[in-house]
Amino acid sequence: MNATAAYGLLAHGLIFGALVALLPLGEMRARAALAATALAMAVGIAPAMHGFFGTPSLTLLLLATLQLAGRPTPLGELPARGLLAFALPFYATALGLGSFDPYALGYQPWAPLALLAPIGIALWWKRQDVWLLILTLDLAAYAGDLFANLWDALFDPLLVLLALIVVSRPWATRLIASRNR
């Protein structure tokens, strides 16, 4: 098993544990999340997730780790909207809408890295230390050859789905509240 496959399996185990940590379990939340992480590895949930979703981005893993640690997640509505504004056209063009394939840029990423420099400076300027650390670790994982493509380290379809849920949650809450009146 290579390092990327091992990372994917372990990451999906932690992501499953983070999903369980979202359940309203009170004082048992931390223990249930830890048990779910171990269970995901033991009974095949993590390999199934890895087979279905592929290798998760380091960004998603770090957000899941923050959730498991009981820390507030930095993926609020504004960062989720920013991710969706980039990822939806990215995936549409990468899947064949048009002749340009942005995913190919991730294999020789000088242009994306040049675009990430001002983002890193803006994160530093605005004191977004958690996002700056996540970006730094993403770039280190890519530089350490854990990911063959820069985009794979930064985001993945499961993270985009999470961002879509974060953005649509207030709308869904208002819709449910208006129907209950």
C-alpha atoms as a PDB file:
ATOM      1  CA  MET A   1       0.000   0.000   0.000  1.00  0.00           C
ATOM      2  CA  ASN A   2       1.445   3.368  -0.976  1.00  0.00           C
ATOM      3  CA  ALA A   3       1.371   6.516   1.184  1.00  0.00           C
ATOM      4  CA  THR A   4      -1.550   8.099  -0.682  1.00  0.00           C
ATOM      5  CA  ALA A   5      -3.757   5.015  -0.246  1.00  0.00           C
ATOM      6  CA  ALA A   6      -2.873   4.756   3.453  1.00  0.00           C
ATOM      7  CA  TYR A   7      -3.603   8.461   3.876  1.00  0.00           C
ATOM      8  CA  GLY A   8      -6.965   8.036   2.130  1.00  0.00           C
ATOM      9  CA  LEU A   9      -8.046   5.170   4.364  1.00  0.00           C
ATOM     10  CA  LEU A  10      -6.993   6.907   7.583  1.00  0.00           C
ATOM     11  CA  ALA A  11      -8.504  10.198   6.456  1.00  0.00           C
ATOM     12  CA  HIS A  12     -11.865   8.612   5.696  1.00  0.00           C
ATOM     13  CA  GLY A  13     -11.861   6.972   9.122  1.00  0.00           C
ATOM     14  CA  LEU A  14     -11.362  10.388  10.726  1.00  0.00           C
ATOM     15  CA  ILE A  15     -13.968  11.988   8.458  1.00  0.00           C
ATOM     16  CA  PHE A  16     -16.502   9.342   9.483  1.00  0.00           C
ATOM     17  CA  GLY A  17     -15.691  10.034  13.135  1.00  0.00           C
ATOM     18  CA  ALA A  18     -16.178  13.764  12.518  1.00  0.00           C
ATOM     19  CA  LEU A  19     -19.595  13.065  10.992  1.00  0.00           C
ATOM     20  CA  VAL A  20     -20.589  11.165  14.132  1.00  0.00           C
ATOM     21  CA  ALA A  21     -19.285  14.083  16.218  1.00  0.00           C
ATOM     22  CA  LEU A  22     -21.977  16.242  14.596  1.00  0.00           C
ATOM     23  CA  LEU A  23     -24.732  14.165  16.199  1.00  0.00           C
ATOM     24  CA  PRO A  24     -26.375  15.614  19.321  1.00  0.00           C
ATOM     25  CA  LEU A  25     -24.970  13.078  21.784  1.00  0.00           C
ATOM     26  CA  GLY A  26     -24.188  15.403  24.682  1.00  0.00           C
ATOM     27  CA  GLU A  27     -21.321  14.255  26.868  1.00  0.00           C
ATOM     28  CA  MET A  28     -20.931  11.050  24.856  1.00  0.00           C
ATOM     29  CA  ARG A  29     -20.094  12.942  21.662  1.00  0.00           C
ATOM     30  CA  ALA A  30     -16.303  12.654  21.974  1.00  0.00           C
ATOM     31  CA  ARG A  31     -16.393   8.965  22.883  1.00  0.00           C
ATOM     32  CA  ALA A  32     -18.858   8.158  20.117  1.00  0.00           C
ATOM     33  CA  ALA A  33     -16.691   9.995  17.569  1.00  0.00           C
ATOM     34  CA  LEU A  34     -13.600   8.098  18.680  1.00  0.00           C
ATOM     35  CA  ALA A  35     -15.474   4.788  18.559  1.00  0.00           C
ATOM     36  CA  ALA A  36     -16.872   5.637  15.108  1.00  0.00           C
ATOM     37  CA  THR A  37     -13.367   6.396  13.826  1.00  0.00           C
ATOM     38  CA  ALA A  38     -12.103   3.004  15.017  1.00  0.00           C
ATOM     39  CA  LEU A  39     -15.251   1.275  13.751  1.00  0.00           C
ATOM     40  CA  ALA A  40     -14.853   2.857  10.313  1.00  0.00           C
ATOM     41  CA  MET A  41     -11.403   1.332  10.042  1.00  0.00           C
ATOM     42  CA  ALA A  42     -12.359  -2.071  11.487  1.00  0.00           C
ATOM     43  CA  VAL A  43     -15.567  -2.907   9.634  1.00  0.00           C
ATOM     44  CA  GLY A  44     -14.789  -1.421   6.234  1.00  0.00           C
ATOM     45  CA  ILE A  45     -16.599   1.917   6.265  1.00  0.00           C
ATOM     46  CA  ALA A  46     -13.385   3.858   5.584  1.00  0.00           C
ATOM     47  CA  PRO A  47     -12.358   1.640   2.631  1.00  0.00           C
ATOM     48  CA  ALA A  48     -15.882   1.931   1.211  1.00  0.00           C
ATOM     49  CA  MET A  49     -15.772   5.713   1.532  1.00  0.00           C
ATOM     50  CA  HIS A  50     -12.306   5.732  -0.038  1.00  0.00           C
ATOM     51  CA  GLY A  51     -13.545   3.624  -2.929  1.00  0.00           C
ATOM     52  CA  PHE A  52     -16.626   5.771  -3.483  1.00  0.00           C
ATOM     53  CA  PHE A  53     -15.248   9.287  -2.901  1.00  0.00           C
ATOM     54  CA  GLY A  54     -11.554   8.789  -3.656  1.00  0.00           C
ATOM     55  CA  THR A  55      -8.713  10.298  -1.677  1.00  0.00           C
ATOM     56  CA  PRO A  56      -9.971  13.265   0.355  1.00  0.00           C
ATOM     57  CA  SER A  57      -8.216  16.598   0.246  1.00  0.00           C
ATOM     58  CA  LEU A  58      -6.039  17.564   3.160  1.00  0.00           C
ATOM     59  CA  THR A  59      -8.336  20.563   3.665  1.00  0.00           C
ATOM     60  CA  LEU A  60     -11.266  18.238   4.354  1.00  0.00           C
ATOM     61  CA  LEU A  61      -9.168  16.096   6.671  1.00  0.00           C
ATOM     62  CA  LEU A  62      -8.037  19.143   8.659  1.00  0.00           C
ATOM     63  CA  LEU A  63     -11.618  20.432   8.956  1.00  0.00           C
ATOM     64  CA  ALA A  64     -12.690  16.969  10.165  1.00  0.00           C
ATOM     65  CA  THR A  65      -9.830  16.947  12.672  1.00  0.00           C
ATOM     66  CA  LEU A  66     -10.962  20.320  14.033  1.00  0.00           C
ATOM     67  CA  GLN A  67     -14.484  18.906  14.390  1.00  0.00           C
ATOM     68  CA  LEU A  68     -13.168  15.861  16.241  1.00  0.00           C
ATOM     69  CA  ALA A  69     -11.153  18.109  18.558  1.00  0.00           C
ATOM     70  CA  GLY A  70     -14.276  20.088  19.413  1.00  0.00           C
ATOM     71  CA  ARG A  71     -12.904  23.268  17.861  1.00  0.00           C
ATOM     72  CA  PRO A  72     -15.102  25.639  15.848  1.00  0.00           C
ATOM     73  CA  THR A  73     -14.883  24.980  12.146  1.00  0.00           C
ATOM     74  CA  PRO A  74     -13.640  27.839   9.984  1.00  0.00           C
ATOM     75  CA  LEU A  75     -15.914  26.720   7.140  1.00  0.00           C
ATOM     76  CA  GLY A  76     -18.622  29.307   7.633  1.00  0.00           C
ATOM     77  CA  GLU A  77     -20.981  30.628   5.022  1.00  0.00           C
ATOM     78  CA  LEU A  78     -18.549  33.117   3.444  1.00  0.00           C
ATOM     79  CA  PRO A  79     -15.652  30.642   2.936  1.00  0.00           C
ATOM     80  CA  ALA A  80     -18.148  28.029   1.716  1.00  0.00           C
ATOM     81  CA  ARG A  81     -19.542  30.478  -0.857  1.00  0.00           C
ATOM     82  CA  GLY A  82     -15.999  31.260  -2.018  1.00  0.00           C
ATOM     83  CA  LEU A  83     -15.212  27.570  -2.395  1.00  0.00           C
ATOM     84  CA  LEU A  84     -18.417  26.978  -4.366  1.00  0.00           C
ATOM     85  CA  ALA A  85     -17.769  29.992  -6.597  1.00  0.00           C
ATOM     86  CA  PHE A  86     -14.432  28.456  -7.561  1.00  0.00           C
ATOM     87  CA  ALA A  87     -15.199  24.729  -7.464  1.00  0.00           C
ATOM     88  CA  LEU A  88     -18.439  24.561  -9.451  1.00  0.00           C
ATOM     89  CA  PRO A  89     -17.022  26.171 -12.627  1.00  0.00           C
ATOM     90  CA  PHE A  90     -13.758  24.279 -12.029  1.00  0.00           C
ATOM     91  CA  TYR A  91     -15.481  20.901 -12.000  1.00  0.00           C
ATOM     92  CA  ALA A  92     -17.751  21.839 -14.916  1.00  0.00           C
ATOM     93  CA  THR A  93     -14.786  22.694 -17.135  1.00  0.00           C
ATOM     94  CA  ALA A  94     -12.694  19.795 -15.846  1.00  0.00           C
ATOM     95  CA  LEU A  95     -15.521  17.432 -16.781  1.00  0.00           C
ATOM     96  CA  GLY A  96     -15.610  18.657 -20.376  1.00  0.00           C
ATOM     97  CA  LEU A  97     -17.686  21.843 -20.507  1.00  0.00           C
ATOM     98  CA  GLY A  98     -15.458  23.778 -22.883  1.00  0.00           C
ATOM     99  CA  SER A  99     -12.026  23.026 -24.240  1.00  0.00           C
ATOM    100  CA  PHE A 100     -10.012  24.213 -21.220  1.00  0.00           C
ATOM    101  CA  ASP A 101      -9.105  21.684 -18.518  1.00  0.00           C
ATOM    102  CA  PRO A 102      -8.111  23.479 -15.287  1.00  0.00           C
ATOM    103  CA  TYR A 103      -7.349  20.189 -13.564  1.00  0.00           C
ATOM    104  CA  ALA A 104      -4.313  19.728 -15.841  1.00  0.00           C
ATOM    105  CA  LEU A 105      -2.820  22.923 -14.382  1.00  0.00           C
ATOM    106  CA  GLY A 106      -2.471  21.107 -11.052  1.00  0.00           C
ATOM    107  CA  TYR A 107       0.260  18.842 -12.435  1.00  0.00           C
ATOM    108  CA  GLN A 108       2.534  21.789 -13.333  1.00  0.00           C
ATOM    109  CA  PRO A 109       1.139  24.255 -10.810  1.00  0.00           C
ATOM    110  CA  TRP A 110       3.250  27.397 -11.232  1.00  0.00           C
ATOM    111  CA  ALA A 111       0.243  29.487 -12.268  1.00  0.00           C
ATOM    112  CA  PRO A 112      -2.041  28.223  -9.441  1.00  0.00           C
ATOM    113  CA  LEU A 113       0.786  28.677  -6.932  1.00  0.00           C
ATOM    114  CA  ALA A 114       1.270  32.242  -8.131  1.00  0.00           C
ATOM    115  CA  LEU A 115      -2.452  32.842  -7.596  1.00  0.00           C
ATOM    116  CA  LEU A 116      -2.305  31.291  -4.117  1.00  0.00           C
ATOM    117  CA  ALA A 117       0.402  33.721  -2.971  1.00  0.00           C
ATOM    118  CA  PRO A 118      -1.967  36.727  -2.770  1.00  0.00           C
ATOM    119  CA  ILE A 119      -4.561  34.519  -1.084  1.00  0.00           C
ATOM    120  CA  GLY A 120      -1.998  33.542   1.539  1.00  0.00           C
ATOM    121  CA  ILE A 121      -1.052  37.188   2.047  1.00  0.00           C
ATOM    122  CA  ALA A 122      -4.730  38.136   2.412  1.00  0.00           C
ATOM    123  CA  LEU A 123      -5.256  35.354   4.958  1.00  0.00           C
ATOM    124  CA  TRP A 124      -2.231  36.591   6.904  1.00  0.00           C
ATOM    125  CA  TRP A 125      -3.413  40.224   6.669  1.00  0.00           C
ATOM    126  CA  LYS A 126      -6.911  39.366   7.909  1.00  0.00           C
ATOM    127  CA  ARG A 127      -5.526  37.169  10.701  1.00  0.00           C
ATOM    128  CA  GLN A 128      -7.208  34.029   9.367  1.00  0.00           C
ATOM    129  CA  ASP A 129      -4.609  31.847  11.070  1.00  0.00           C
ATOM    130  CA  VAL A 130      -6.538  28.580  10.811  1.00  0.00           C
ATOM    131  CA  TRP A 131      -7.093  28.971   7.061  1.00  0.00           C
ATOM    132  CA  LEU A 132      -3.468  30.030   6.613  1.00  0.00           C
ATOM    133  CA  LEU A 133      -2.311  26.913   8.460  1.00  0.00           C
ATOM    134  CA  ILE A 134      -4.611  24.732   6.353  1.00  0.00           C
ATOM    135  CA  LEU A 135      -3.253  26.289   3.147  1.00  0.00           C
ATOM    136  CA  THR A 136       0.317  25.825   4.380  1.00  0.00           C
ATOM    137  CA  LEU A 137      -0.256  22.162   5.216  1.00  0.00           C
ATOM    138  CA  ASP A 138      -1.993  21.607   1.869  1.00  0.00           C
ATOM    139  CA  LEU A 139       1.011  23.010   0.031  1.00  0.00           C
ATOM    140  CA  ALA A 140       3.422  20.988   2.179  1.00  0.00           C
ATOM    141  CA  ALA A 141       1.485  17.785   1.429  1.00  0.00           C
ATOM    142  CA  TYR A 142       1.632  18.550  -2.273  1.00  0.00           C
ATOM    143  CA  ALA A 143       5.348  19.389  -2.103  1.00  0.00           C
ATOM    144  CA  GLY A 144       5.941  16.149  -0.181  1.00  0.00           C
ATOM    145  CA  ASP A 145       4.362  14.170  -3.049  1.00  0.00           C
ATOM    146  CA  LEU A 146       1.395  12.959  -1.032  1.00  0.00           C
ATOM    147  CA  PHE A 147      -0.776  14.308  -3.857  1.00  0.00           C
ATOM    148  CA  ALA A 148       0.118  14.179  -7.541  1.00  0.00           C
ATOM    149  CA  ASN A 149      -2.096  17.174  -8.329  1.00  0.00           C
ATOM    150  CA  LEU A 150      -2.232  20.442  -6.385  1.00  0.00           C
ATOM    151  CA  TRP A 151      -6.012  20.657  -6.706  1.00  0.00           C
ATOM    152  CA  ASP A 152      -6.398  17.282  -4.981  1.00  0.00           C
ATOM    153  CA  ALA A 153      -4.642  18.645  -1.901  1.00  0.00           C
ATOM    154  CA  LEU A 154      -6.780  21.795  -1.797  1.00  0.00           C
ATOM    155  CA  PHE A 155     -10.327  20.505  -2.353  1.00  0.00           C
ATOM    156  CA  ASP A 156     -12.371  17.509  -3.402  1.00  0.00           C
ATOM    157  CA  PRO A 157     -16.010  16.739  -4.271  1.00  0.00           C
ATOM    158  CA  LEU A 158     -16.858  15.790  -0.674  1.00  0.00           C
ATOM    159  CA  LEU A 159     -15.568  19.159   0.562  1.00  0.00           C
ATOM    160  CA  VAL A 160     -17.609  20.909  -2.135  1.00  0.00           C
ATOM    161  CA  LEU A 161     -20.684  18.970  -0.971  1.00  0.00           C
ATOM    162  CA  LEU A 162     -19.970  20.077   2.597  1.00  0.00           C
ATOM    163  CA  ALA A 163     -19.704  23.695   1.403  1.00  0.00           C
ATOM    164  CA  LEU A 164     -23.024  23.324  -0.419  1.00  0.00           C
ATOM    165  CA  ILE A 165     -24.636  22.074   2.804  1.00  0.00           C
ATOM    166  CA  VAL A 166     -23.168  24.984   4.786  1.00  0.00           C
ATOM    167  CA  VAL A 167     -24.462  27.515   2.250  1.00  0.00           C
ATOM    168  CA  SER A 168     -27.915  25.947   1.906  1.00  0.00           C
ATOM    169  CA  ARG A 169     -28.504  25.366   5.632  1.00  0.00           C
ATOM    170  CA  PRO A 170     -29.869  28.891   6.403  1.00  0.00           C
ATOM    171  CA  TRP A 171     -32.126  28.722   3.364  1.00  0.00           C
ATOM    172  CA  ALA A 172     -33.449  25.282   4.364  1.00  0.00           C
ATOM    173  CA  THR A 173     -33.998  26.458   7.948  1.00  0.00           C
ATOM    174  CA  ARG A 174     -36.040  29.454   6.731  1.00  0.00           C
ATOM    175  CA  LEU A 175     -38.044  27.214   4.404  1.00  0.00           C
ATOM    176  CA  ILE A 176     -38.874  24.762   7.205  1.00  0.00           C
ATOM    177  CA  ALA A 177     -39.753  27.588   9.593  1.00  0.00           C
ATOM    178  CA  SER A 178     -42.099  29.195   7.048  1.00  0.00           C
ATOM    179  CA  ARG A 179     -43.938  25.890   6.499  1.00  0.00           C
ATOM    180  CA  ASN A 180     -44.445  25.395  10.243  1.00  0.00           C
ATOM    181  CA  ARG A 181     -46.302  28.691  10.640  1.00  0.00           C
END
